[in-house]
C-alpha atoms as a PDB file:
ATOM      1  CA  UNK A   1       4.197 -10.821  89.406  1.00  0.00           C
ATOM      2  CA  UNK A   2       2.075 -12.763  86.502  1.00  0.00           C
ATOM      3  CA  UNK A   3       4.239 -14.185  83.784  1.00  0.00           C
ATOM      4  CA  UNK A   4       2.936 -11.991  81.026  1.00  0.00           C
ATOM      5  CA  UNK A   5       3.743  -9.083  83.650  1.00  0.00           C
ATOM      6  CA  UNK A   6       7.426 -10.349  84.183  1.00  0.00           C
ATOM      7  CA  UNK A   7       7.725 -11.024  80.172  1.00  0.00           C
ATOM      8  CA  UNK A   8       7.213  -7.594  79.710  1.00  0.00           C
ATOM      9  CA  UNK A   9       9.377  -6.371  82.276  1.00  0.00           C
ATOM     10  CA  UNK A  10      12.276  -8.167  80.850  1.00  0.00           C
ATOM     11  CA  UNK A  11      11.595  -6.421  77.551  1.00  0.00           C
ATOM     12  CA  UNK A  12      11.980  -3.084  79.052  1.00  0.00           C
ATOM     13  CA  UNK A  13      14.901  -3.983  81.530  1.00  0.00           C
ATOM     14  CA  UNK A  14      16.796  -5.374  78.084  1.00  0.00           C
ATOM     15  CA  UNK A  15      16.146  -2.088  75.913  1.00  0.00           C
ATOM     16  CA  UNK A  16      17.441  -0.264  78.989  1.00  0.00           C
ATOM     17  CA  UNK A  17      20.531  -2.153  79.365  1.00  0.00           C
ATOM     18  CA  UNK A  18      20.843  -1.381  75.588  1.00  0.00           C
ATOM     19  CA  UNK A  19      19.688  -4.367  73.813  1.00  0.00           C
ATOM     20  CA  UNK A  20      17.210  -4.751  70.947  1.00  0.00           C
ATOM     21  CA  UNK A  21      14.063  -6.249  72.437  1.00  0.00           C
ATOM     22  CA  UNK A  22      10.492  -6.121  71.560  1.00  0.00           C
ATOM     23  CA  UNK A  23       7.394  -7.920  70.636  1.00  0.00           C
ATOM     24  CA  UNK A  24       5.589  -8.572  67.608  1.00  0.00           C
ATOM     25  CA  UNK A  25       1.964  -6.775  67.125  1.00  0.00           C
ATOM     26  CA  UNK A  26       0.033  -8.272  64.345  1.00  0.00           C
ATOM     27  CA  UNK A  27      -3.399  -6.729  63.893  1.00  0.00           C
ATOM     28  CA  UNK A  28      -5.418  -8.595  61.289  1.00  0.00           C
ATOM     29  CA  UNK A  29      -8.950 -10.263  61.492  1.00  0.00           C
ATOM     30  CA  UNK A  30      -7.890 -13.188  58.925  1.00  0.00           C
ATOM     31  CA  UNK A  31      -7.528 -16.263  60.186  1.00  0.00           C
ATOM     32  CA  UNK A  32      -4.447 -17.339  57.992  1.00  0.00           C
ATOM     33  CA  UNK A  33      -2.587 -14.216  58.883  1.00  0.00           C
ATOM     34  CA  UNK A  34      -3.137 -15.104  62.689  1.00  0.00           C
ATOM     35  CA  UNK A  35      -2.407 -18.479  62.508  1.00  0.00           C
ATOM     36  CA  UNK A  36       0.885 -17.827  60.663  1.00  0.00           C
ATOM     37  CA  UNK A  37       1.657 -14.814  63.336  1.00  0.00           C
ATOM     38  CA  UNK A  38       1.056 -17.393  65.891  1.00  0.00           C
ATOM     39  CA  UNK A  39       3.330 -20.385  64.431  1.00  0.00           C
ATOM     40  CA  UNK A  40       5.725 -17.830  63.573  1.00  0.00           C
ATOM     41  CA  UNK A  41       5.998 -16.507  67.194  1.00  0.00           C
ATOM     42  CA  UNK A  42       5.866 -20.486  68.506  1.00  0.00           C
ATOM     43  CA  UNK A  43       8.757 -21.739  66.241  1.00  0.00           C
ATOM     44  CA  UNK A  44      10.808 -18.856  67.207  1.00  0.00           C
ATOM     45  CA  UNK A  45       9.521 -19.422  71.175  1.00  0.00           C
ATOM     46  CA  UNK A  46       8.570 -15.524  70.802  1.00  0.00           C
ATOM     47  CA  UNK A  47       5.863 -13.716  72.264  1.00  0.00           C
ATOM     48  CA  UNK A  48       3.148 -12.565  69.533  1.00  0.00           C
ATOM     49  CA  UNK A  49       0.941  -9.869  70.355  1.00  0.00           C
END
């Protein structure tokens, strides 16, 4: 199983266990928005889609 697949599976498992879990999804073509989303995720060690 790839690392990305494992991360998605972990999200599903946590949700099934009743925990709040998810992944941020940002839809924008603006470079500043993309940069801000990636920086935000990196600062929190969170996945960004």
